[in-house]
Amino acid sequence: MNEETFQELLLSLNFGSSDFFSFINGKVYRYSVEDFPWACIPILDDNEIIKDIRIIVPEFLNEKCLLINIHEYYHAYELFNELGNIYVENTDIRESNAKNKERLYLKMKK
């Protein structure tokens, strides 16, 4: 899968935008291994304000890697919509939201 096709997939999962995709351009680090500590990292200033985002994901090697990408990109999309605001962890909510996008993809795929 290429990046353009992946972006179309995200749009079909009801998240992403041209502004978001432009913003993260050059901020996504892809690795050709399946098992790694994947992450979406908010970059904060001294006052805990979200200033930037980094995404660490696997290449599109298989479905597991695709789900990891969906998950981490959803975290990034949430953070993108919070740029300029104080970062609030909300781990349970953020993880639930990202997992829901994975489930939506699996449901759409059937």
C-alpha atoms as a PDB file:
ATOM      1  CA  MET A   1       0.000   0.000   0.000  1.00  0.00           C
ATOM      2  CA  ASN A   2       1.297   3.467  -0.743  1.00  0.00           C
ATOM      3  CA  GLU A   3       0.759   6.602   1.333  1.00  0.00           C
ATOM      4  CA  GLU A   4      -1.938   8.027  -0.947  1.00  0.00           C
ATOM      5  CA  THR A   5      -3.992   4.828  -0.792  1.00  0.00           C
ATOM      6  CA  PHE A   6      -3.534   4.742   2.982  1.00  0.00           C
ATOM      7  CA  GLN A   7      -4.763   8.333   3.288  1.00  0.00           C
ATOM      8  CA  GLU A   8      -7.859   7.411   1.257  1.00  0.00           C
ATOM      9  CA  LEU A   9      -8.431   4.514   3.661  1.00  0.00           C
ATOM     10  CA  LEU A  10      -8.222   6.872   6.650  1.00  0.00           C
ATOM     11  CA  LEU A  11     -10.752   9.194   5.042  1.00  0.00           C
ATOM     12  CA  SER A  12     -13.088   6.224   4.550  1.00  0.00           C
ATOM     13  CA  LEU A  13     -12.725   5.607   8.318  1.00  0.00           C
ATOM     14  CA  ASN A  14     -13.952   9.165   8.889  1.00  0.00           C
ATOM     15  CA  PHE A  15     -10.738  10.809   9.930  1.00  0.00           C
ATOM     16  CA  GLY A  16      -7.986  12.815   8.335  1.00  0.00           C
ATOM     17  CA  SER A  17      -8.026  15.881   6.102  1.00  0.00           C
ATOM     18  CA  SER A  18      -5.760  17.539   3.585  1.00  0.00           C
ATOM     19  CA  ASP A  19      -4.552  19.897   6.339  1.00  0.00           C
ATOM     20  CA  PHE A  20      -3.739  16.948   8.597  1.00  0.00           C
ATOM     21  CA  PHE A  21      -1.917  15.022   5.866  1.00  0.00           C
ATOM     22  CA  SER A  22       0.100  18.123   4.939  1.00  0.00           C
ATOM     23  CA  PHE A  23       0.944  18.766   8.594  1.00  0.00           C
ATOM     24  CA  ILE A  24       2.307  15.261   9.246  1.00  0.00           C
ATOM     25  CA  ASN A  25       4.262  15.124   5.996  1.00  0.00           C
ATOM     26  CA  GLY A  26       7.877  14.476   7.001  1.00  0.00           C
ATOM     27  CA  LYS A  27       6.906  13.649  10.592  1.00  0.00           C
ATOM     28  CA  VAL A  28       6.182   9.954  10.061  1.00  0.00           C
ATOM     29  CA  TYR A  29       8.994   7.488  10.622  1.00  0.00           C
ATOM     30  CA  ARG A  30       8.453   4.055   9.053  1.00  0.00           C
ATOM     31  CA  TYR A  31      10.463   0.962   9.841  1.00  0.00           C
ATOM     32  CA  SER A  32      10.499  -2.384   8.052  1.00  0.00           C
ATOM     33  CA  VAL A  33       9.980  -4.469  11.181  1.00  0.00           C
ATOM     34  CA  GLU A  34       6.700  -5.665  12.617  1.00  0.00           C
ATOM     35  CA  ASP A  35       7.488  -5.622  16.336  1.00  0.00           C
ATOM     36  CA  PHE A  36       8.732  -2.327  17.733  1.00  0.00           C
ATOM     37  CA  PRO A  37       7.485   0.199  20.293  1.00  0.00           C
ATOM     38  CA  TRP A  38       5.199   2.048  17.856  1.00  0.00           C
ATOM     39  CA  ALA A  39       4.001   5.447  18.966  1.00  0.00           C
ATOM     40  CA  CYS A  40       2.433   8.776  18.303  1.00  0.00           C
ATOM     41  CA  ILE A  41       4.392  11.366  20.250  1.00  0.00           C
ATOM     42  CA  PRO A  42       3.096  14.828  21.096  1.00  0.00           C
ATOM     43  CA  ILE A  43       5.827  17.479  21.121  1.00  0.00           C
ATOM     44  CA  LEU A  44       5.118  19.888  23.972  1.00  0.00           C
ATOM     45  CA  ASP A  45       6.527  23.252  24.971  1.00  0.00           C
ATOM     46  CA  ASP A  46       7.515  24.180  28.525  1.00  0.00           C
ATOM     47  CA  ASN A  47       3.866  24.888  29.384  1.00  0.00           C
ATOM     48  CA  GLU A  48       2.671  21.457  28.169  1.00  0.00           C
ATOM     49  CA  ILE A  49       1.120  23.019  25.033  1.00  0.00           C
ATOM     50  CA  ILE A  50       1.001  20.666  22.015  1.00  0.00           C
ATOM     51  CA  LYS A  51       3.293  22.152  19.368  1.00  0.00           C
ATOM     52  CA  ASP A  52       4.035  19.242  17.049  1.00  0.00           C
ATOM     53  CA  ILE A  53       3.574  15.498  16.493  1.00  0.00           C
ATOM     54  CA  ARG A  54       5.773  12.568  15.505  1.00  0.00           C
ATOM     55  CA  ILE A  55       4.520   9.152  14.392  1.00  0.00           C
ATOM     56  CA  ILE A  56       6.574   5.956  14.514  1.00  0.00           C
ATOM     57  CA  VAL A  57       4.948   3.087  12.596  1.00  0.00           C
ATOM     58  CA  PRO A  58       5.848  -0.005  10.587  1.00  0.00           C
ATOM     59  CA  GLU A  59       5.798  -0.129   6.818  1.00  0.00           C
ATOM     60  CA  PHE A  60       2.659  -1.710   5.359  1.00  0.00           C
ATOM     61  CA  LEU A  61       4.004  -5.268   5.628  1.00  0.00           C
ATOM     62  CA  ASN A  62       0.743  -7.032   6.512  1.00  0.00           C
ATOM     63  CA  GLU A  63      -2.643  -6.470   8.105  1.00  0.00           C
ATOM     64  CA  LYS A  64      -1.205  -6.223  11.619  1.00  0.00           C
ATOM     65  CA  CYS A  65       1.062  -3.394  10.438  1.00  0.00           C
ATOM     66  CA  LEU A  66      -1.870  -1.693   8.718  1.00  0.00           C
ATOM     67  CA  LEU A  67      -3.861  -1.796  11.968  1.00  0.00           C
ATOM     68  CA  ILE A  68      -0.900  -0.309  13.855  1.00  0.00           C
ATOM     69  CA  ASN A  69      -0.778   2.514  11.305  1.00  0.00           C
ATOM     70  CA  ILE A  70      -4.510   3.187  11.611  1.00  0.00           C
ATOM     71  CA  HIS A  71      -4.187   3.227  15.397  1.00  0.00           C
ATOM     72  CA  GLU A  72      -1.201   5.592  15.569  1.00  0.00           C
ATOM     73  CA  TYR A  73      -2.499   7.892  12.850  1.00  0.00           C
ATOM     74  CA  TYR A  74      -5.755   8.227  14.759  1.00  0.00           C
ATOM     75  CA  HIS A  75      -3.794   9.308  17.838  1.00  0.00           C
ATOM     76  CA  ALA A  76      -2.002  11.832  15.636  1.00  0.00           C
ATOM     77  CA  TYR A  77      -5.287  13.112  14.220  1.00  0.00           C
ATOM     78  CA  GLU A  78      -6.646  13.671  17.729  1.00  0.00           C
ATOM     79  CA  LEU A  79      -3.473  15.542  18.679  1.00  0.00           C
ATOM     80  CA  PHE A  80      -3.590  17.556  15.449  1.00  0.00           C
ATOM     81  CA  ASN A  81      -7.035  18.779  16.471  1.00  0.00           C
ATOM     82  CA  GLU A  82      -5.615  19.765  19.871  1.00  0.00           C
ATOM     83  CA  LEU A  83      -2.587  21.721  18.597  1.00  0.00           C
ATOM     84  CA  GLY A  84      -2.054  24.852  20.667  1.00  0.00           C
ATOM     85  CA  ASN A  85      -3.861  23.391  23.673  1.00  0.00           C
ATOM     86  CA  ILE A  86      -2.513  21.942  26.904  1.00  0.00           C
ATOM     87  CA  TYR A  87      -1.859  18.220  26.489  1.00  0.00           C
ATOM     88  CA  VAL A  88      -4.144  15.996  28.559  1.00  0.00           C
ATOM     89  CA  GLU A  89      -3.128  12.325  28.588  1.00  0.00           C
ATOM     90  CA  ASN A  90      -6.599  10.652  28.653  1.00  0.00           C
ATOM     91  CA  THR A  91      -4.973   7.295  27.869  1.00  0.00           C
ATOM     92  CA  ASP A  92      -8.126   5.190  28.288  1.00  0.00           C
ATOM     93  CA  ILE A  93     -10.211   7.425  26.041  1.00  0.00           C
ATOM     94  CA  ARG A  94      -7.484   7.859  23.423  1.00  0.00           C
ATOM     95  CA  GLU A  95      -6.798   4.109  23.270  1.00  0.00           C
ATOM     96  CA  SER A  96     -10.507   3.304  23.039  1.00  0.00           C
ATOM     97  CA  ASN A  97     -10.968   5.783  20.179  1.00  0.00           C
ATOM     98  CA  ALA A  98      -8.005   4.385  18.233  1.00  0.00           C
ATOM     99  CA  LYS A  99      -9.131   0.767  18.804  1.00  0.00           C
ATOM    100  CA  ASN A 100     -12.581   1.717  17.511  1.00  0.00           C
ATOM    101  CA  LYS A 101     -11.001   2.849  14.217  1.00  0.00           C
ATOM    102  CA  GLU A 102      -9.208  -0.494  13.949  1.00  0.00           C
ATOM    103  CA  ARG A 103     -12.512  -2.305  14.504  1.00  0.00           C
ATOM    104  CA  LEU A 104     -14.250  -0.110  11.935  1.00  0.00           C
ATOM    105  CA  TYR A 105     -11.588  -1.010   9.360  1.00  0.00           C
ATOM    106  CA  LEU A 106     -11.990  -4.744  10.075  1.00  0.00           C
ATOM    107  CA  LYS A 107     -15.777  -4.422   9.808  1.00  0.00           C
ATOM    108  CA  MET A 108     -15.546  -2.479   6.514  1.00  0.00           C
ATOM    109  CA  LYS A 109     -13.126  -5.049   5.107  1.00  0.00           C
ATOM    110  CA  LYS A 110     -15.620  -7.930   5.438  1.00  0.00           C
END
